[in-house]
N, C-alpha and C. Protein backbone atom coordinates (compact mmCIF):
# COMPACT_ATOMS: atom_id res chain seq x y z
N UNK A 1 -130.71 -20.88 -55.55
CA UNK A 1 -131.08 -19.62 -56.18
C UNK A 1 -130.07 -19.19 -57.30
N UNK A 2 -130.83 -18.76 -57.96
CA UNK A 2 -130.19 -18.17 -59.34
C UNK A 2 -130.21 -16.83 -59.25
N UNK A 3 -129.05 -16.25 -59.56
CA UNK A 3 -129.02 -14.73 -59.76
C UNK A 3 -129.47 -14.45 -61.18
N UNK A 4 -130.37 -13.39 -60.99
CA UNK A 4 -130.72 -12.94 -62.21
C UNK A 4 -129.97 -11.89 -63.01
N UNK A 5 -129.42 -11.98 -64.12
CA UNK A 5 -128.65 -11.14 -64.77
C UNK A 5 -129.58 -10.08 -65.49
N UNK A 6 -129.05 -8.83 -65.09
CA UNK A 6 -129.92 -7.77 -66.06
C UNK A 6 -129.09 -7.36 -66.97
N UNK A 7 -129.82 -7.00 -68.08
CA UNK A 7 -128.96 -6.67 -69.23
C UNK A 7 -129.27 -5.07 -69.47
N UNK A 8 -128.07 -4.38 -69.68
CA UNK A 8 -128.22 -2.87 -69.55
C UNK A 8 -128.56 -2.69 -70.97
N UNK A 9 -129.45 -1.53 -71.14
CA UNK A 9 -129.96 -1.09 -72.20
C UNK A 9 -128.85 -0.39 -73.09
N UNK A 10 -128.69 -0.60 -74.40
CA UNK A 10 -127.62 -0.24 -75.24
C UNK A 10 -127.98 1.13 -75.72
N UNK A 11 -129.24 1.74 -75.86
CA UNK A 11 -129.43 2.91 -76.37
C UNK A 11 -130.18 3.85 -75.51
N UNK A 12 -129.50 4.02 -74.38
CA UNK A 12 -129.99 4.90 -73.34
C UNK A 12 -129.42 6.32 -73.73
N UNK A 13 -130.22 7.16 -73.92
CA UNK A 13 -129.81 8.59 -74.41
C UNK A 13 -130.20 9.50 -73.28
N UNK A 14 -129.36 10.56 -73.35
CA UNK A 14 -129.39 11.66 -72.36
C UNK A 14 -129.92 12.87 -73.17
N UNK A 15 -130.90 13.61 -72.81
CA UNK A 15 -131.40 14.60 -73.34
C UNK A 15 -130.60 15.92 -73.28
N UNK A 16 -129.74 16.44 -74.12
CA UNK A 16 -128.80 17.45 -74.04
C UNK A 16 -129.38 18.81 -74.11
N UNK A 17 -130.54 18.94 -74.58
CA UNK A 17 -131.15 20.24 -75.06
C UNK A 17 -131.12 21.15 -73.85
N UNK A 18 -131.55 20.76 -72.57
CA UNK A 18 -131.71 21.62 -71.41
C UNK A 18 -130.18 21.86 -70.99
N UNK A 19 -129.24 21.18 -71.11
CA UNK A 19 -127.90 21.52 -70.76
C UNK A 19 -127.26 22.54 -71.77
N UNK A 20 -127.69 22.47 -72.97
CA UNK A 20 -127.23 23.55 -73.94
C UNK A 20 -127.87 24.73 -73.63
N UNK A 21 -129.22 25.00 -73.31
CA UNK A 21 -129.75 26.00 -72.90
C UNK A 21 -129.23 26.68 -71.63
N UNK A 22 -128.81 26.00 -70.64
CA UNK A 22 -127.96 26.45 -69.53
C UNK A 22 -126.79 27.07 -69.88
N UNK A 23 -125.87 26.40 -70.80
CA UNK A 23 -124.80 26.83 -71.10
C UNK A 23 -124.79 28.20 -71.80
N UNK A 24 -125.82 28.33 -72.89
CA UNK A 24 -125.89 29.47 -73.61
C UNK A 24 -126.48 30.79 -72.61
N UNK A 25 -127.29 30.41 -71.61
CA UNK A 25 -127.98 31.49 -70.55
C UNK A 25 -126.55 31.97 -69.92
N UNK A 26 -125.75 30.99 -69.32
CA UNK A 26 -124.49 31.37 -68.63
C UNK A 26 -123.56 32.15 -69.48
N UNK A 27 -123.31 31.69 -70.63
CA UNK A 27 -122.40 32.70 -71.62
C UNK A 27 -123.07 34.03 -71.82
N UNK A 28 -124.21 34.21 -72.18
CA UNK A 28 -124.83 35.52 -72.46
C UNK A 28 -124.78 36.45 -71.13
N UNK A 29 -125.01 35.75 -69.81
CA UNK A 29 -124.87 36.31 -68.56
C UNK A 29 -123.53 36.97 -68.34
N UNK A 30 -122.54 36.12 -68.74
CA UNK A 30 -120.95 36.46 -68.27
C UNK A 30 -120.59 37.78 -69.42
N UNK A 31 -121.11 37.65 -70.53
CA UNK A 31 -120.74 38.65 -71.57
C UNK A 31 -121.45 40.02 -71.37
N UNK A 32 -122.59 39.87 -71.08
CA UNK A 32 -123.36 41.07 -70.56
C UNK A 32 -122.77 41.73 -69.17
N UNK A 33 -122.49 40.99 -68.34
CA UNK A 33 -122.06 41.53 -67.00
C UNK A 33 -120.53 42.08 -66.87
N UNK A 34 -119.79 41.56 -67.77
CA UNK A 34 -118.26 41.90 -67.77
C UNK A 34 -118.11 43.34 -68.26
N UNK A 35 -117.36 44.10 -67.69
CA UNK A 35 -117.22 45.34 -68.20
C UNK A 35 -115.92 45.49 -68.87
N UNK A 36 -115.91 46.03 -70.18
CA UNK A 36 -114.48 46.17 -70.84
C UNK A 36 -113.97 47.47 -70.51
N UNK A 37 -112.96 47.75 -69.75
CA UNK A 37 -112.26 48.97 -69.37
C UNK A 37 -110.93 48.88 -69.91
N UNK A 38 -110.83 50.23 -70.53
CA UNK A 38 -109.43 50.30 -71.36
C UNK A 38 -108.44 50.39 -70.12
N UNK A 39 -107.31 50.16 -70.28
CA UNK A 39 -106.35 50.24 -69.23
C UNK A 39 -105.91 51.65 -69.36
N UNK A 40 -105.66 52.22 -68.15
CA UNK A 40 -105.27 53.67 -68.07
C UNK A 40 -103.78 53.68 -68.40
N UNK A 41 -103.30 54.45 -69.30
CA UNK A 41 -102.03 54.53 -69.66
C UNK A 41 -101.60 56.14 -69.56
N UNK A 42 -100.33 56.33 -69.15
CA UNK A 42 -99.81 57.67 -69.06
C UNK A 42 -98.75 57.84 -70.08
N UNK A 43 -99.17 59.00 -70.90
CA UNK A 43 -98.38 59.32 -72.01
C UNK A 43 -96.92 60.02 -71.58
N UNK A 44 -95.90 59.35 -71.88
CA UNK A 44 -94.64 59.99 -71.55
C UNK A 44 -93.94 60.75 -72.78
N UNK A 45 -93.44 61.66 -72.50
CA UNK A 45 -92.61 62.34 -73.44
C UNK A 45 -91.00 62.09 -73.11
N UNK A 46 -90.40 61.09 -73.93
CA UNK A 46 -89.02 60.72 -73.75
C UNK A 46 -88.08 61.73 -74.30
N UNK A 47 -86.89 62.01 -73.54
CA UNK A 47 -85.96 63.01 -74.38
C UNK A 47 -85.41 62.43 -75.51
N UNK A 48 -84.88 63.27 -76.43
CA UNK A 48 -84.14 62.89 -77.52
C UNK A 48 -82.75 62.30 -76.96
N UNK A 49 -82.14 61.76 -77.98
CA UNK A 49 -80.97 60.99 -77.65
C UNK A 49 -79.85 62.11 -77.25
N UNK A 50 -79.66 63.03 -78.15
CA UNK A 50 -78.66 64.05 -77.79
C UNK A 50 -79.50 65.22 -78.06
N UNK A 51 -79.00 66.44 -77.46
CA UNK A 51 -79.68 67.64 -77.50
C UNK A 51 -79.25 68.23 -79.07
N UNK A 52 -80.40 68.69 -79.52
CA UNK A 52 -80.22 69.46 -80.88
C UNK A 52 -79.84 70.80 -80.94
N UNK A 53 -78.72 71.18 -81.43
CA UNK A 53 -78.22 72.63 -81.53
C UNK A 53 -78.27 72.77 -82.92
N UNK A 54 -79.25 73.60 -83.31
CA UNK A 54 -79.37 74.27 -84.56
C UNK A 54 -78.31 75.16 -84.93
N UNK A 55 -77.47 74.94 -86.03
CA UNK A 55 -76.53 75.83 -86.67
C UNK A 55 -77.10 76.57 -87.70
N UNK A 56 -76.94 77.85 -87.79
CA UNK A 56 -77.51 78.61 -89.13
C UNK A 56 -76.73 77.90 -90.28
N UNK A 57 -77.53 77.74 -91.45
CA UNK A 57 -76.97 77.27 -92.65
C UNK A 57 -76.38 78.25 -93.53
N UNK A 58 -75.24 78.16 -93.88
CA UNK A 58 -74.50 79.17 -94.84
C UNK A 58 -73.85 78.42 -95.78
N UNK A 59 -73.42 79.27 -96.87
CA UNK A 59 -72.56 78.63 -98.00
C UNK A 59 -71.07 79.14 -97.57
N UNK A 60 -70.09 78.35 -97.75
CA UNK A 60 -68.74 78.83 -97.72
C UNK A 60 -68.29 79.29 -99.11
N UNK A 61 -67.51 80.41 -98.89
CA UNK A 61 -67.07 81.13 -100.21
C UNK A 61 -65.66 81.52 -100.25
N UNK A 62 -65.05 80.78 -101.25
CA UNK A 62 -63.46 80.77 -101.39
C UNK A 62 -63.46 81.70 -102.63
N UNK A 63 -62.53 82.63 -102.73
CA UNK A 63 -62.22 83.59 -103.74
C UNK A 63 -60.87 83.28 -104.19
N UNK A 64 -60.53 83.21 -105.58
CA UNK A 64 -59.32 83.23 -106.12
C UNK A 64 -59.10 84.53 -107.14
N UNK A 65 -58.15 85.23 -106.74
CA UNK A 65 -57.86 86.40 -107.48
C UNK A 65 -56.89 86.18 -108.62
N UNK A 66 -56.62 87.18 -109.47
CA UNK A 66 -55.83 87.11 -110.78
C UNK A 66 -54.42 86.59 -110.44
N UNK A 67 -53.90 86.99 -109.19
CA UNK A 67 -52.36 86.57 -108.95
C UNK A 67 -52.46 85.37 -108.19
N UNK A 68 -53.53 84.50 -108.08
CA UNK A 68 -53.72 83.40 -107.65
C UNK A 68 -53.77 83.01 -106.22
N UNK A 69 -54.06 84.27 -105.43
CA UNK A 69 -54.36 84.27 -104.01
C UNK A 69 -55.49 83.81 -103.63
N UNK A 70 -55.67 82.93 -102.66
CA UNK A 70 -56.97 82.27 -102.24
C UNK A 70 -57.54 82.94 -100.95
N UNK A 71 -58.56 83.41 -101.05
CA UNK A 71 -59.22 84.20 -99.88
C UNK A 71 -60.54 83.52 -99.37
N UNK A 72 -60.71 83.54 -97.96
CA UNK A 72 -61.72 83.05 -97.50
C UNK A 72 -62.15 83.87 -96.30
N UNK A 73 -63.42 84.35 -96.25
CA UNK A 73 -63.76 85.38 -95.12
C UNK A 73 -62.86 86.57 -95.10
N UNK A 74 -62.66 86.95 -96.38
CA UNK A 74 -61.81 88.30 -96.61
C UNK A 74 -60.40 88.26 -96.09
N UNK A 75 -59.90 86.94 -95.93
CA UNK A 75 -58.39 86.76 -95.50
C UNK A 75 -57.75 86.02 -96.73
N UNK A 76 -56.42 86.41 -96.84
CA UNK A 76 -55.70 85.52 -97.71
C UNK A 76 -55.09 84.45 -96.94
N UNK A 77 -55.27 83.05 -97.50
CA UNK A 77 -54.81 81.87 -96.99
C UNK A 77 -54.12 81.17 -98.04
N UNK A 78 -53.44 80.16 -97.51
CA UNK A 78 -52.49 79.29 -98.56
C UNK A 78 -53.55 78.24 -98.95
N UNK A 79 -53.25 77.59 -100.01
CA UNK A 79 -54.13 76.45 -100.55
C UNK A 79 -54.21 75.21 -99.65
N UNK A 80 -53.12 75.00 -98.80
CA UNK A 80 -53.10 73.91 -97.91
C UNK A 80 -53.96 74.21 -96.64
N UNK A 81 -54.45 75.49 -96.33
CA UNK A 81 -55.05 75.90 -95.19
C UNK A 81 -56.75 75.89 -95.50
N UNK A 82 -56.89 75.53 -96.67
CA UNK A 82 -58.28 75.35 -97.20
C UNK A 82 -59.27 74.58 -96.25
N UNK A 83 -58.71 73.30 -96.11
CA UNK A 83 -59.39 72.32 -95.25
C UNK A 83 -59.57 72.75 -93.79
N UNK A 84 -58.50 73.43 -93.27
CA UNK A 84 -58.52 73.89 -91.92
C UNK A 84 -59.50 74.93 -91.71
N UNK A 85 -59.45 76.01 -92.49
CA UNK A 85 -60.55 76.98 -92.66
C UNK A 85 -61.83 76.48 -92.72
N UNK A 86 -61.93 75.39 -93.65
CA UNK A 86 -63.47 74.99 -93.88
C UNK A 86 -63.92 74.14 -92.57
N UNK A 87 -62.80 73.59 -91.78
CA UNK A 87 -63.17 72.89 -90.49
C UNK A 87 -63.93 73.92 -89.57
N UNK A 88 -63.06 75.03 -89.51
CA UNK A 88 -63.45 75.93 -88.43
C UNK A 88 -64.74 76.56 -88.87
N UNK A 89 -64.95 76.74 -90.16
CA UNK A 89 -66.31 77.36 -90.57
C UNK A 89 -67.48 76.35 -90.30
N UNK A 90 -67.16 74.93 -90.61
CA UNK A 90 -68.30 74.02 -90.29
C UNK A 90 -68.57 73.82 -88.77
N UNK A 91 -67.49 74.31 -88.08
CA UNK A 91 -67.86 74.11 -86.51
C UNK A 91 -68.95 75.14 -85.98
N UNK A 92 -68.97 76.45 -86.68
CA UNK A 92 -69.92 77.36 -86.44
C UNK A 92 -71.31 77.18 -87.41
N UNK A 93 -71.12 76.91 -88.55
CA UNK A 93 -72.17 76.75 -89.31
C UNK A 93 -72.47 75.56 -89.92
N UNK A 94 -73.71 75.24 -90.44
CA UNK A 94 -74.01 74.16 -91.24
C UNK A 94 -73.77 74.53 -92.57
N UNK A 95 -72.89 73.72 -93.44
CA UNK A 95 -72.47 74.39 -94.72
C UNK A 95 -73.40 73.48 -95.90
N UNK A 96 -74.13 74.28 -96.47
CA UNK A 96 -75.05 73.65 -97.40
C UNK A 96 -74.07 73.51 -98.63
N UNK A 97 -73.26 74.21 -99.05
CA UNK A 97 -72.32 74.02 -100.41
C UNK A 97 -71.39 75.05 -100.17
N UNK A 98 -70.20 74.54 -101.02
CA UNK A 98 -69.06 75.47 -101.04
C UNK A 98 -69.11 76.21 -102.44
N UNK A 99 -68.84 77.59 -102.34
CA UNK A 99 -68.77 78.44 -103.54
C UNK A 99 -67.35 78.76 -103.76
N UNK A 100 -66.90 78.73 -105.02
CA UNK A 100 -65.64 79.16 -105.37
C UNK A 100 -65.67 80.24 -106.37
N UNK A 101 -65.27 81.35 -106.11
CA UNK A 101 -65.32 82.44 -107.04
C UNK A 101 -63.94 82.79 -107.59
N UNK A 102 -63.72 82.25 -108.88
CA UNK A 102 -62.32 82.37 -109.43
C UNK A 102 -62.21 83.43 -110.58
N UNK A 103 -61.07 84.24 -110.55
CA UNK A 103 -61.03 85.21 -111.54
C UNK A 103 -60.66 84.50 -112.79
N UNK A 104 -60.94 85.05 -113.84
CA UNK A 104 -60.83 84.40 -115.27
C UNK A 104 -59.31 84.38 -115.52
N UNK A 105 -58.39 85.10 -114.94
CA UNK A 105 -56.96 85.14 -115.43
C UNK A 105 -56.29 84.33 -114.43
N UNK A 106 -57.03 83.47 -113.23
CA UNK A 106 -56.22 82.75 -112.43
C UNK A 106 -55.99 81.44 -112.86
N UNK A 107 -54.95 80.76 -112.57
CA UNK A 107 -54.54 79.42 -112.91
C UNK A 107 -55.41 78.35 -112.47
N UNK A 108 -55.71 77.32 -113.55
CA UNK A 108 -56.54 76.31 -113.21
C UNK A 108 -55.90 75.32 -112.15
N UNK A 109 -54.69 75.33 -111.92
CA UNK A 109 -54.06 74.39 -111.09
C UNK A 109 -54.57 75.07 -109.70
N UNK A 110 -54.59 76.29 -109.26
CA UNK A 110 -54.89 76.86 -108.10
C UNK A 110 -56.41 76.46 -107.80
N UNK A 111 -57.28 76.44 -108.75
CA UNK A 111 -58.60 76.10 -108.64
C UNK A 111 -58.67 74.72 -108.31
N UNK A 112 -58.04 73.92 -108.95
CA UNK A 112 -58.09 72.31 -108.68
C UNK A 112 -57.32 72.15 -107.45
N UNK A 113 -56.37 72.90 -106.79
CA UNK A 113 -55.84 72.69 -105.46
C UNK A 113 -56.97 72.94 -104.47
N UNK A 114 -57.51 74.00 -104.65
CA UNK A 114 -58.77 74.48 -103.68
C UNK A 114 -59.88 73.22 -103.76
N UNK A 115 -60.03 72.92 -104.72
CA UNK A 115 -61.31 71.82 -104.96
C UNK A 115 -60.93 70.45 -104.33
N UNK A 116 -59.57 70.11 -104.53
CA UNK A 116 -59.06 68.96 -104.06
C UNK A 116 -59.07 68.93 -102.52
N UNK A 117 -58.71 70.17 -101.90
CA UNK A 117 -58.53 70.25 -100.56
C UNK A 117 -60.02 70.35 -99.84
N UNK A 118 -61.03 70.81 -100.55
CA UNK A 118 -62.39 70.90 -100.26
C UNK A 118 -63.02 69.30 -99.97
N UNK A 119 -62.57 68.71 -100.97
CA UNK A 119 -63.07 67.22 -101.04
C UNK A 119 -62.33 66.38 -100.06
N UNK A 120 -61.08 66.73 -99.92
CA UNK A 120 -60.34 66.13 -98.93
C UNK A 120 -61.01 66.15 -97.62
N UNK A 121 -61.40 67.30 -97.25
CA UNK A 121 -62.12 67.53 -95.89
C UNK A 121 -63.37 66.78 -95.84
N UNK A 122 -64.37 66.98 -96.70
CA UNK A 122 -65.74 66.58 -96.73
C UNK A 122 -66.27 66.62 -98.25
N UNK A 123 -67.22 65.79 -98.36
CA UNK A 123 -67.88 65.59 -99.65
C UNK A 123 -68.99 66.72 -99.96
N UNK A 124 -68.59 67.90 -99.86
CA UNK A 124 -69.50 69.14 -100.14
C UNK A 124 -69.84 69.03 -101.51
N UNK A 125 -70.93 69.83 -101.83
CA UNK A 125 -71.11 70.09 -103.35
C UNK A 125 -70.38 71.39 -103.46
N UNK A 126 -69.89 71.52 -104.62
CA UNK A 126 -68.94 72.57 -105.03
C UNK A 126 -69.48 73.29 -106.12
N UNK A 127 -69.77 74.75 -106.17
CA UNK A 127 -70.29 75.47 -107.32
C UNK A 127 -69.34 76.54 -107.51
N UNK A 128 -69.05 76.64 -108.89
CA UNK A 128 -68.20 77.74 -109.48
C UNK A 128 -69.12 78.92 -109.72
N UNK A 129 -68.58 80.19 -108.99
CA UNK A 129 -69.43 81.40 -109.30
C UNK A 129 -68.83 82.33 -110.10
N UNK A 130 -69.36 82.91 -110.87
CA UNK A 130 -68.75 84.03 -111.95
C UNK A 130 -69.09 85.29 -111.26
N UNK A 131 -68.27 86.40 -111.68
CA UNK A 131 -68.40 87.65 -110.92
C UNK A 131 -69.48 88.32 -111.53
């Protein structure tokens, strides 16, 4: 007895059109039936880093009279006390600029001492005011 060898066909094709139809029908089904829900979110109002304390904005005014006396807030002060008085003023108010009202007969050295002490404390803008 001889065994008969069967030869396999080399060009056996499977028809894929019906498989593609089923895949597309399933894809359309799942796209249509899924519901797109936005996630529910709670809006939070976070506190600020530090409490904001609003200080009133004012100009600091220094006056120099003809006898080279320096006045701040209607008090006679020494030129070395300019930065100390400016620090106390800055604790109460927000300083926008520092005004210096100097008499025309006052010494320029007194004016420069006051300006240097202001710049020593902080870098405020300084304006000279005429009477």
